[in-house]
N, C-alpha and C. Protein backbone atom coordinates (compact mmCIF):
# COMPACT_ATOMS: atom_id res chain seq x y z
N UNK A 1 0.84 -1.19 -0.01
CA UNK A 1 0.02 0.00 -0.03
C UNK A 1 0.88 1.25 -0.03
N UNK A 2 0.65 2.11 -0.95
CA UNK A 2 1.44 3.34 -1.02
C UNK A 2 1.05 4.31 0.14
N UNK A 3 2.05 5.00 0.62
CA UNK A 3 1.87 6.01 1.64
C UNK A 3 2.09 7.36 1.10
N UNK A 4 1.42 8.34 1.56
CA UNK A 4 1.45 9.68 1.04
C UNK A 4 1.45 10.68 2.22
N UNK A 5 2.33 11.71 2.13
CA UNK A 5 2.43 12.73 3.10
C UNK A 5 2.10 14.11 2.45
N UNK A 6 1.31 14.95 3.06
CA UNK A 6 1.15 16.29 2.69
C UNK A 6 1.95 17.16 3.63
N UNK A 7 2.77 18.03 3.13
CA UNK A 7 3.63 18.87 3.99
C UNK A 7 3.47 20.30 3.60
N UNK A 8 3.28 21.17 4.55
CA UNK A 8 3.24 22.64 4.29
C UNK A 8 4.66 23.18 4.45
N UNK A 9 5.36 23.26 3.30
CA UNK A 9 6.79 23.66 3.25
C UNK A 9 6.90 25.19 3.59
N UNK A 10 7.59 25.51 4.65
CA UNK A 10 7.87 26.92 4.93
C UNK A 10 8.87 27.55 3.89
N UNK A 11 8.84 28.82 3.80
CA UNK A 11 9.85 29.53 2.99
C UNK A 11 11.24 29.26 3.60
N UNK A 12 12.16 29.07 2.64
CA UNK A 12 13.57 28.85 3.10
C UNK A 12 13.92 27.37 3.25
N UNK A 13 13.03 26.47 3.11
CA UNK A 13 13.29 25.02 3.24
C UNK A 13 13.45 24.41 1.88
N UNK A 14 14.48 23.62 1.71
CA UNK A 14 14.73 22.89 0.50
C UNK A 14 13.67 21.77 0.29
N UNK A 15 13.36 21.41 -0.95
CA UNK A 15 12.43 20.34 -1.18
C UNK A 15 13.19 19.00 -1.35
N UNK A 16 14.09 18.75 -0.39
CA UNK A 16 14.87 17.54 -0.40
C UNK A 16 15.29 17.19 1.02
N UNK A 17 15.66 15.94 1.26
CA UNK A 17 16.03 15.56 2.60
C UNK A 17 17.53 15.77 2.91
N UNK A 18 18.34 16.04 1.90
CA UNK A 18 19.73 16.27 2.07
C UNK A 18 20.00 17.78 2.34
N UNK A 19 20.59 18.07 3.49
CA UNK A 19 20.88 19.53 3.78
C UNK A 19 21.95 20.11 2.83
N UNK A 20 21.87 21.42 2.61
CA UNK A 20 22.85 22.20 1.91
C UNK A 20 23.18 23.36 2.83
N UNK A 21 24.41 23.84 2.70
CA UNK A 21 24.86 24.95 3.57
C UNK A 21 23.91 26.09 3.57
N UNK A 22 23.51 26.56 4.75
CA UNK A 22 22.64 27.72 4.90
C UNK A 22 21.19 27.47 4.72
N UNK A 23 20.76 26.22 4.37
CA UNK A 23 19.35 25.93 4.15
C UNK A 23 18.82 24.76 5.01
N UNK A 24 17.60 24.88 5.45
CA UNK A 24 16.95 23.84 6.15
C UNK A 24 16.45 22.83 5.09
N UNK A 25 16.22 21.60 5.51
CA UNK A 25 15.75 20.62 4.52
C UNK A 25 14.56 19.81 5.21
N UNK A 26 13.96 18.92 4.33
CA UNK A 26 12.82 18.17 4.78
C UNK A 26 13.08 17.25 6.01
N UNK A 27 14.34 16.83 6.16
CA UNK A 27 14.69 15.88 7.30
C UNK A 27 14.39 16.56 8.65
N UNK A 28 14.44 17.93 8.68
CA UNK A 28 14.13 18.57 9.96
C UNK A 28 12.66 18.46 10.37
N UNK A 29 11.82 18.19 9.45
CA UNK A 29 10.36 18.25 9.62
C UNK A 29 9.72 16.81 9.56
N UNK A 30 10.24 15.95 8.70
CA UNK A 30 9.62 14.69 8.41
C UNK A 30 10.60 13.60 8.78
N UNK A 31 10.41 12.98 10.00
CA UNK A 31 11.40 12.02 10.54
C UNK A 31 11.15 10.59 10.06
N UNK A 32 10.54 10.37 8.90
CA UNK A 32 10.17 9.04 8.42
C UNK A 32 11.02 8.77 7.14
N UNK A 33 11.78 7.71 7.18
CA UNK A 33 12.65 7.38 6.01
C UNK A 33 11.86 6.84 4.89
N UNK A 34 12.44 6.91 3.70
CA UNK A 34 11.87 6.26 2.53
C UNK A 34 10.80 7.10 1.75
N UNK A 35 10.60 8.29 2.08
CA UNK A 35 9.74 9.21 1.39
C UNK A 35 10.48 10.14 0.46
N UNK A 36 9.85 10.47 -0.69
CA UNK A 36 10.50 11.35 -1.65
C UNK A 36 9.39 12.33 -2.16
N UNK A 37 9.89 13.55 -2.44
CA UNK A 37 8.99 14.61 -2.92
C UNK A 37 8.50 14.31 -4.30
N UNK A 38 7.16 14.45 -4.50
CA UNK A 38 6.59 14.26 -5.87
C UNK A 38 6.51 15.66 -6.46
N UNK A 39 7.58 16.18 -7.01
CA UNK A 39 7.69 17.54 -7.45
C UNK A 39 8.47 18.36 -6.51
N UNK A 40 8.72 19.60 -6.83
CA UNK A 40 9.52 20.50 -6.03
C UNK A 40 8.83 21.82 -5.83
N UNK A 41 9.31 22.53 -4.83
CA UNK A 41 8.93 23.94 -4.68
C UNK A 41 10.25 24.67 -4.42
N UNK A 42 10.47 25.80 -5.07
CA UNK A 42 11.65 26.59 -4.86
C UNK A 42 11.85 26.88 -3.36
N UNK A 43 13.06 27.11 -2.97
CA UNK A 43 13.39 27.40 -1.57
C UNK A 43 12.63 28.59 -1.03
N UNK A 44 12.42 29.62 -1.92
CA UNK A 44 11.71 30.77 -1.47
C UNK A 44 10.20 30.76 -1.66
N UNK A 45 9.68 29.59 -2.11
CA UNK A 45 8.25 29.40 -2.21
C UNK A 45 7.74 28.55 -1.00
N UNK A 46 6.49 28.62 -0.75
CA UNK A 46 5.87 28.00 0.40
C UNK A 46 4.73 27.10 -0.05
N UNK A 47 4.20 26.30 0.89
CA UNK A 47 2.99 25.57 0.59
C UNK A 47 3.15 24.08 0.38
N UNK A 48 2.15 23.53 -0.30
CA UNK A 48 1.97 22.08 -0.41
C UNK A 48 3.07 21.44 -1.12
N UNK A 49 3.66 20.44 -0.46
CA UNK A 49 4.63 19.55 -1.05
C UNK A 49 4.10 18.12 -0.76
N UNK A 50 3.92 17.34 -1.80
CA UNK A 50 3.44 15.99 -1.62
C UNK A 50 4.61 14.99 -1.67
N UNK A 51 4.62 14.09 -0.70
CA UNK A 51 5.77 13.11 -0.65
C UNK A 51 5.11 11.73 -0.60
N UNK A 52 5.88 10.75 -1.18
CA UNK A 52 5.31 9.35 -1.19
C UNK A 52 6.48 8.45 -1.07
N UNK A 53 6.16 7.15 -0.68
CA UNK A 53 7.19 6.13 -0.61
C UNK A 53 7.05 5.22 -1.86
N UNK A 54 6.22 5.56 -2.81
CA UNK A 54 5.93 4.80 -4.02
C UNK A 54 6.47 5.57 -5.31
N UNK A 55 7.51 5.05 -5.90
CA UNK A 55 8.08 5.67 -7.04
C UNK A 55 7.20 5.92 -8.21
N UNK A 56 6.25 4.95 -8.51
CA UNK A 56 5.27 5.13 -9.56
C UNK A 56 4.30 6.23 -9.25
N UNK A 57 3.84 6.26 -7.97
CA UNK A 57 2.91 7.31 -7.58
C UNK A 57 3.60 8.70 -7.65
N UNK A 58 4.85 8.72 -7.22
CA UNK A 58 5.67 9.96 -7.25
C UNK A 58 5.69 10.50 -8.68
N UNK A 59 5.97 9.63 -9.69
CA UNK A 59 6.04 9.98 -11.08
C UNK A 59 4.68 10.48 -11.54
N UNK A 60 3.67 9.79 -11.13
CA UNK A 60 2.28 10.13 -11.57
C UNK A 60 1.91 11.56 -11.11
N UNK A 61 2.26 11.85 -9.89
CA UNK A 61 1.85 13.14 -9.32
C UNK A 61 2.66 14.26 -9.96
N UNK A 62 3.99 14.03 -10.09
CA UNK A 62 4.87 15.07 -10.56
C UNK A 62 4.92 15.32 -12.06
N UNK A 63 4.63 14.30 -12.85
CA UNK A 63 4.85 14.37 -14.27
C UNK A 63 3.75 15.19 -14.93
N UNK A 64 4.13 16.24 -15.68
CA UNK A 64 3.20 17.16 -16.32
C UNK A 64 2.28 16.47 -17.34
N UNK A 65 2.71 15.31 -17.93
CA UNK A 65 1.90 14.62 -18.85
C UNK A 65 0.56 14.14 -18.29
N UNK A 66 0.50 14.00 -16.95
CA UNK A 66 -0.73 13.57 -16.27
C UNK A 66 -1.66 14.79 -15.97
N UNK A 67 -1.16 16.01 -16.13
CA UNK A 67 -1.93 17.24 -16.10
C UNK A 67 -2.68 17.46 -14.80
N UNK A 68 -2.11 17.09 -13.67
CA UNK A 68 -2.81 17.39 -12.40
C UNK A 68 -2.73 18.90 -12.24
N UNK A 69 -3.83 19.56 -11.91
CA UNK A 69 -3.79 20.96 -11.76
C UNK A 69 -3.09 21.34 -10.43
N UNK A 70 -2.24 22.29 -10.56
CA UNK A 70 -1.47 22.90 -9.34
C UNK A 70 -1.96 24.31 -9.15
N UNK A 71 -2.57 24.53 -7.99
CA UNK A 71 -3.13 25.85 -7.67
C UNK A 71 -2.09 26.62 -6.79
N UNK A 72 -1.81 27.81 -7.26
CA UNK A 72 -0.89 28.72 -6.54
C UNK A 72 -1.56 29.99 -6.10
N UNK A 73 -1.29 30.49 -4.93
CA UNK A 73 -1.66 31.81 -4.47
C UNK A 73 -0.44 32.67 -4.62
N UNK A 74 -0.54 33.74 -5.44
CA UNK A 74 0.58 34.52 -5.76
C UNK A 74 0.34 36.01 -5.46
N UNK A 75 1.20 36.55 -4.55
CA UNK A 75 1.12 37.96 -4.32
C UNK A 75 2.13 38.65 -5.24
N UNK A 76 1.60 39.57 -6.00
CA UNK A 76 2.43 40.29 -6.97
C UNK A 76 2.53 41.80 -6.62
N UNK A 77 3.63 42.37 -7.13
CA UNK A 77 3.84 43.79 -6.91
C UNK A 77 3.12 44.56 -7.98
N UNK A 78 2.23 45.47 -7.58
CA UNK A 78 1.44 46.25 -8.54
C UNK A 78 0.08 45.63 -8.71
N UNK A 79 -0.70 46.25 -9.59
CA UNK A 79 -2.09 45.78 -9.87
C UNK A 79 -2.13 45.41 -11.36
N UNK A 80 -2.14 44.09 -11.63
CA UNK A 80 -2.13 43.63 -13.03
C UNK A 80 -3.34 44.20 -13.82
N UNK A 81 -3.04 44.63 -15.02
CA UNK A 81 -4.08 45.09 -15.97
C UNK A 81 -4.81 43.89 -16.46
N UNK A 82 -6.00 44.13 -17.04
CA UNK A 82 -6.71 43.06 -17.70
C UNK A 82 -5.88 42.41 -18.81
N UNK A 83 -5.09 43.26 -19.55
CA UNK A 83 -4.26 42.75 -20.62
C UNK A 83 -3.21 41.74 -20.06
N UNK A 84 -2.59 42.16 -18.95
CA UNK A 84 -1.62 41.27 -18.31
C UNK A 84 -2.17 40.02 -17.83
N UNK A 85 -3.32 40.08 -17.26
CA UNK A 85 -4.09 38.85 -16.79
C UNK A 85 -4.36 37.93 -17.96
N UNK A 86 -4.78 38.49 -19.11
CA UNK A 86 -5.07 37.67 -20.31
C UNK A 86 -3.80 37.06 -20.90
N UNK A 87 -2.73 37.79 -20.84
CA UNK A 87 -1.40 37.25 -21.31
C UNK A 87 -1.05 36.04 -20.45
N UNK A 88 -1.24 36.15 -19.11
CA UNK A 88 -0.95 35.00 -18.31
C UNK A 88 -1.79 33.79 -18.65
N UNK A 89 -3.06 34.06 -18.91
CA UNK A 89 -4.04 32.94 -19.22
C UNK A 89 -3.63 32.31 -20.58
N UNK A 90 -3.27 33.10 -21.53
CA UNK A 90 -3.06 32.63 -22.88
C UNK A 90 -1.75 31.88 -23.09
N UNK A 91 -0.80 32.17 -22.19
CA UNK A 91 0.53 31.55 -22.32
C UNK A 91 1.58 32.64 -22.53
N UNK A 92 2.68 32.49 -21.86
CA UNK A 92 3.71 33.54 -21.87
C UNK A 92 4.99 32.97 -22.46
N UNK A 93 5.55 33.65 -23.47
CA UNK A 93 6.81 33.24 -24.02
C UNK A 93 7.95 33.61 -23.05
N UNK A 94 8.54 32.63 -22.49
CA UNK A 94 9.66 32.88 -21.49
C UNK A 94 11.00 32.73 -22.11
N UNK A 95 11.06 32.66 -23.40
CA UNK A 95 12.33 32.54 -24.13
C UNK A 95 12.71 31.08 -24.39
N UNK A 96 12.81 30.27 -23.36
CA UNK A 96 13.13 28.86 -23.47
C UNK A 96 11.89 27.99 -23.70
N UNK A 97 10.72 28.51 -23.43
CA UNK A 97 9.52 27.80 -23.65
C UNK A 97 8.29 28.79 -23.57
N UNK A 98 7.16 28.35 -24.17
CA UNK A 98 5.92 29.18 -24.03
C UNK A 98 5.08 28.39 -23.04
N UNK A 99 4.58 29.03 -22.05
CA UNK A 99 3.71 28.40 -21.08
C UNK A 99 2.40 27.98 -21.66
N UNK A 100 1.77 26.88 -21.13
CA UNK A 100 0.44 26.45 -21.58
C UNK A 100 -0.61 27.41 -21.04
N UNK A 101 -1.78 27.38 -21.68
CA UNK A 101 -2.92 28.15 -21.16
C UNK A 101 -3.12 27.75 -19.71
N UNK A 102 -3.54 28.72 -18.92
CA UNK A 102 -3.81 28.41 -17.53
C UNK A 102 -4.96 29.29 -17.03
N UNK A 103 -5.40 29.02 -15.80
CA UNK A 103 -6.45 29.82 -15.15
C UNK A 103 -5.77 30.85 -14.28
N UNK A 104 -6.31 32.10 -14.37
CA UNK A 104 -5.79 33.19 -13.56
C UNK A 104 -6.96 34.04 -13.10
N UNK A 105 -6.99 34.36 -11.80
CA UNK A 105 -8.04 35.23 -11.21
C UNK A 105 -7.43 36.03 -10.14
N UNK A 106 -7.96 37.28 -9.96
CA UNK A 106 -7.65 38.08 -8.80
C UNK A 106 -8.43 37.53 -7.62
N UNK A 107 -7.78 37.49 -6.49
CA UNK A 107 -8.42 36.91 -5.25
C UNK A 107 -8.10 37.90 -4.12
N UNK A 108 -8.87 37.79 -3.03
CA UNK A 108 -8.52 38.42 -1.80
C UNK A 108 -7.42 37.65 -1.14
N UNK A 109 -6.66 38.22 -0.22
CA UNK A 109 -5.66 37.42 0.51
C UNK A 109 -6.38 36.15 1.04
N UNK A 110 -5.78 34.97 0.80
CA UNK A 110 -6.45 33.74 1.25
C UNK A 110 -6.71 33.72 2.71
N UNK A 111 -7.90 33.25 3.12
CA UNK A 111 -8.23 33.13 4.56
C UNK A 111 -7.29 32.19 5.24
N UNK A 112 -6.87 32.50 6.47
CA UNK A 112 -6.03 31.66 7.25
C UNK A 112 -4.55 31.68 6.78
N UNK A 113 -4.18 32.54 5.88
CA UNK A 113 -2.79 32.56 5.44
C UNK A 113 -1.88 33.07 6.56
N UNK A 114 -0.86 32.33 6.85
CA UNK A 114 0.04 32.58 7.89
C UNK A 114 1.04 33.75 7.50
N UNK A 115 1.61 34.44 8.46
CA UNK A 115 2.63 35.40 8.13
C UNK A 115 3.86 34.72 7.57
N UNK A 116 4.47 35.37 6.54
CA UNK A 116 5.64 34.74 5.92
C UNK A 116 6.89 35.11 6.83
N UNK A 117 7.72 34.12 6.92
CA UNK A 117 9.03 34.32 7.60
C UNK A 117 10.19 33.92 6.69
N UNK A 118 10.94 34.86 6.16
CA UNK A 118 10.95 36.30 6.49
C UNK A 118 9.81 36.99 5.73
N UNK A 119 9.42 38.16 6.22
CA UNK A 119 8.32 38.89 5.54
C UNK A 119 8.76 39.32 4.20
N UNK A 120 7.76 39.55 3.24
CA UNK A 120 8.08 40.06 1.94
C UNK A 120 8.44 41.48 2.03
N UNK A 121 9.13 41.98 1.03
CA UNK A 121 9.46 43.41 1.02
C UNK A 121 8.20 44.22 0.65
N UNK A 122 7.99 45.32 1.33
CA UNK A 122 6.87 46.21 1.10
C UNK A 122 7.36 47.54 0.57
N UNK A 123 6.71 48.12 -0.43
CA UNK A 123 7.03 49.43 -0.86
C UNK A 123 5.85 50.31 -0.55
N UNK A 124 6.11 51.45 0.09
CA UNK A 124 5.10 52.33 0.63
C UNK A 124 4.08 52.75 -0.45
N UNK A 125 4.49 53.05 -1.63
CA UNK A 125 3.58 53.55 -2.59
C UNK A 125 3.23 52.55 -3.75
N UNK A 126 3.61 51.34 -3.58
CA UNK A 126 3.25 50.34 -4.63
C UNK A 126 2.35 49.28 -3.98
N UNK A 127 1.11 49.16 -4.50
CA UNK A 127 0.18 48.14 -3.93
C UNK A 127 0.57 46.76 -4.38
N UNK A 128 -0.01 45.77 -3.62
CA UNK A 128 0.17 44.43 -4.03
C UNK A 128 -1.22 43.73 -4.28
N UNK A 129 -1.22 42.77 -5.05
CA UNK A 129 -2.47 42.03 -5.32
C UNK A 129 -2.27 40.55 -5.28
N UNK A 130 -3.28 39.75 -4.86
CA UNK A 130 -3.18 38.36 -4.83
C UNK A 130 -3.86 37.79 -6.12
N UNK A 131 -3.19 36.83 -6.66
CA UNK A 131 -3.75 36.07 -7.82
C UNK A 131 -3.82 34.58 -7.47
N UNK A 132 -4.78 33.94 -8.04
CA UNK A 132 -4.82 32.47 -7.99
C UNK A 132 -4.49 31.99 -9.44
N UNK A 133 -3.46 31.19 -9.53
CA UNK A 133 -3.02 30.70 -10.85
C UNK A 133 -3.05 29.20 -10.74
N UNK A 134 -3.74 28.52 -11.75
CA UNK A 134 -3.84 27.13 -11.82
C UNK A 134 -3.10 26.65 -13.12
N UNK A 135 -2.03 25.92 -12.91
CA UNK A 135 -1.21 25.36 -13.95
C UNK A 135 -1.43 23.88 -14.08
N UNK A 136 -1.13 23.39 -15.32
CA UNK A 136 -1.14 21.96 -15.53
C UNK A 136 0.19 21.50 -16.06
N UNK A 137 1.23 22.30 -15.70
CA UNK A 137 2.65 22.05 -15.97
C UNK A 137 3.36 22.67 -14.77
N UNK A 138 4.65 22.53 -14.75
CA UNK A 138 5.32 23.07 -13.59
C UNK A 138 6.82 23.07 -13.90
N UNK A 139 7.29 24.02 -14.68
CA UNK A 139 8.67 24.13 -14.99
C UNK A 139 9.37 25.01 -13.92
N UNK A 140 10.71 24.97 -13.89
CA UNK A 140 11.45 25.69 -12.97
C UNK A 140 11.12 27.13 -12.83
N UNK A 141 10.71 27.58 -11.64
CA UNK A 141 10.36 28.95 -11.33
C UNK A 141 9.34 29.58 -12.32
N UNK A 142 8.49 28.72 -12.83
CA UNK A 142 7.57 29.11 -13.86
C UNK A 142 6.61 30.29 -13.49
N UNK A 143 5.99 30.19 -12.32
CA UNK A 143 5.02 31.26 -11.98
C UNK A 143 5.76 32.55 -11.75
N UNK A 144 6.90 32.56 -11.13
CA UNK A 144 7.68 33.80 -10.89
C UNK A 144 8.08 34.38 -12.25
N UNK A 145 8.53 33.56 -13.17
CA UNK A 145 8.97 34.00 -14.47
C UNK A 145 7.77 34.59 -15.28
N UNK A 146 6.59 33.93 -15.13
CA UNK A 146 5.41 34.46 -15.89
C UNK A 146 4.97 35.82 -15.42
N UNK A 147 4.83 35.97 -14.09
CA UNK A 147 4.39 37.28 -13.57
C UNK A 147 5.37 38.38 -13.82
N UNK A 148 6.70 38.01 -13.74
CA UNK A 148 7.67 39.07 -14.03
C UNK A 148 7.67 39.48 -15.53
N UNK A 149 7.46 38.47 -16.40
CA UNK A 149 7.43 38.76 -17.82
C UNK A 149 6.29 39.73 -18.21
N UNK A 150 5.15 39.67 -17.55
CA UNK A 150 4.04 40.56 -17.81
C UNK A 150 4.12 41.85 -16.98
N UNK A 151 5.15 42.01 -16.21
CA UNK A 151 5.37 43.28 -15.54
C UNK A 151 5.02 43.37 -14.07
N UNK A 152 4.69 42.20 -13.46
CA UNK A 152 4.22 42.18 -12.03
C UNK A 152 4.95 41.13 -11.30
N UNK A 153 6.15 41.40 -10.74
CA UNK A 153 6.96 40.45 -10.06
C UNK A 153 6.28 39.79 -8.84
N UNK A 154 6.56 38.48 -8.72
CA UNK A 154 6.00 37.70 -7.57
C UNK A 154 6.74 38.15 -6.33
N UNK A 155 6.03 38.45 -5.31
CA UNK A 155 6.59 38.75 -3.93
C UNK A 155 6.50 37.53 -3.03
N UNK A 156 5.32 36.80 -3.17
CA UNK A 156 5.17 35.63 -2.35
C UNK A 156 4.36 34.60 -3.18
N UNK A 157 4.82 33.34 -3.04
CA UNK A 157 4.20 32.26 -3.81
C UNK A 157 3.91 31.11 -2.89
N UNK A 158 2.60 30.71 -2.84
CA UNK A 158 2.17 29.68 -1.97
C UNK A 158 1.39 28.63 -2.83
N UNK A 159 1.87 27.33 -2.87
CA UNK A 159 1.16 26.32 -3.57
C UNK A 159 0.06 25.86 -2.66
N UNK A 160 -1.18 25.99 -3.04
CA UNK A 160 -2.36 25.63 -2.23
C UNK A 160 -2.86 24.18 -2.44
N UNK A 161 -2.71 23.68 -3.72
CA UNK A 161 -3.16 22.30 -3.92
C UNK A 161 -2.50 21.70 -5.18
N UNK A 162 -2.49 20.41 -5.22
CA UNK A 162 -2.07 19.60 -6.36
C UNK A 162 -3.18 18.58 -6.53
N UNK A 163 -3.91 18.65 -7.67
CA UNK A 163 -5.05 17.76 -7.82
C UNK A 163 -6.00 17.88 -6.68
N UNK A 164 -6.41 16.83 -6.08
CA UNK A 164 -7.31 16.83 -4.89
C UNK A 164 -6.68 17.05 -3.59
N UNK A 165 -5.34 17.08 -3.54
CA UNK A 165 -4.63 17.24 -2.28
C UNK A 165 -4.48 18.77 -2.02
N UNK A 166 -4.71 19.20 -0.77
CA UNK A 166 -4.65 20.62 -0.43
C UNK A 166 -4.01 20.84 0.92
N UNK A 167 -3.74 22.15 1.11
CA UNK A 167 -3.15 22.57 2.42
C UNK A 167 -4.15 22.72 3.51
N UNK A 168 -5.39 22.59 3.19
CA UNK A 168 -6.47 22.81 4.25
C UNK A 168 -6.12 22.29 5.60
N UNK A 169 -6.08 23.30 6.55
CA UNK A 169 -5.85 23.01 7.93
C UNK A 169 -4.43 22.55 8.31
N UNK A 170 -3.53 22.81 7.47
CA UNK A 170 -2.12 22.33 7.70
C UNK A 170 -1.19 23.54 7.90
N UNK A 171 -0.77 23.79 9.11
CA UNK A 171 0.09 24.93 9.36
C UNK A 171 1.48 24.75 8.82
N UNK A 172 2.17 25.89 8.54
CA UNK A 172 3.58 25.75 7.96
C UNK A 172 4.43 24.88 8.88
N UNK A 173 5.26 24.03 8.22
CA UNK A 173 6.17 23.16 8.92
C UNK A 173 5.52 21.89 9.44
N UNK A 174 4.27 21.73 9.24
CA UNK A 174 3.51 20.55 9.73
C UNK A 174 3.19 19.62 8.51
N UNK A 175 2.96 18.34 8.82
CA UNK A 175 2.61 17.39 7.80
C UNK A 175 1.56 16.40 8.36
N UNK A 176 0.90 15.75 7.41
CA UNK A 176 -0.04 14.69 7.81
C UNK A 176 -0.01 13.64 6.73
N UNK A 177 -0.24 12.41 7.15
CA UNK A 177 -0.29 11.31 6.21
C UNK A 177 -1.78 11.22 5.74
N UNK A 178 -1.96 10.91 4.50
CA UNK A 178 -3.27 10.85 3.92
C UNK A 178 -3.40 9.64 2.95
N UNK A 179 -4.55 9.38 2.54
CA UNK A 179 -4.77 8.27 1.59
C UNK A 179 -4.28 8.65 0.24
N UNK A 180 -3.61 7.69 -0.39
CA UNK A 180 -3.06 7.96 -1.71
C UNK A 180 -4.10 7.77 -2.79
N UNK A 181 -4.61 8.87 -3.35
CA UNK A 181 -5.57 8.88 -4.44
C UNK A 181 -5.03 9.78 -5.50
N UNK A 182 -5.20 9.46 -6.78
CA UNK A 182 -4.73 10.30 -7.86
C UNK A 182 -5.91 10.59 -8.72
N UNK A 183 -6.08 11.86 -9.05
CA UNK A 183 -7.16 12.30 -9.94
C UNK A 183 -7.10 11.69 -11.29
């Protein structure tokens, strides 16, 4: 029977069990051997990281060919125009690839969102806006590159869900084991 862990990865933590100089790693939080991350989150990103002890399930969850939707809450600098929002939805040419169509909506700051440690930078005269972005791919630093390309740099990025797995009720740095189901 496959085992699956949902972990709310704090900012500054590597998505691996092996430590690197100056960074915390998963081993500090999850004391169970034999689990591996099904996908990654950048060190400066937060939120849902799914881990499993089953290599086939790991591949199924992480592989973009299976098109599991990944939902991100993204705080950007500035107020994106309707044109910028449409560019994000339609796909953004990032030079090395063009992103697939995705869902993008302005949202209020998510309920129950914890304070970030360290806090994001704030500029007195520049507002910030929260977006919800749903991707069915996940290339290196993709969301950050997309928002920057359309003129609204990402300040904070929180992955809220992968398929049917979500952060609901899971504080930063905490994990829970759950039933392994794949959409």
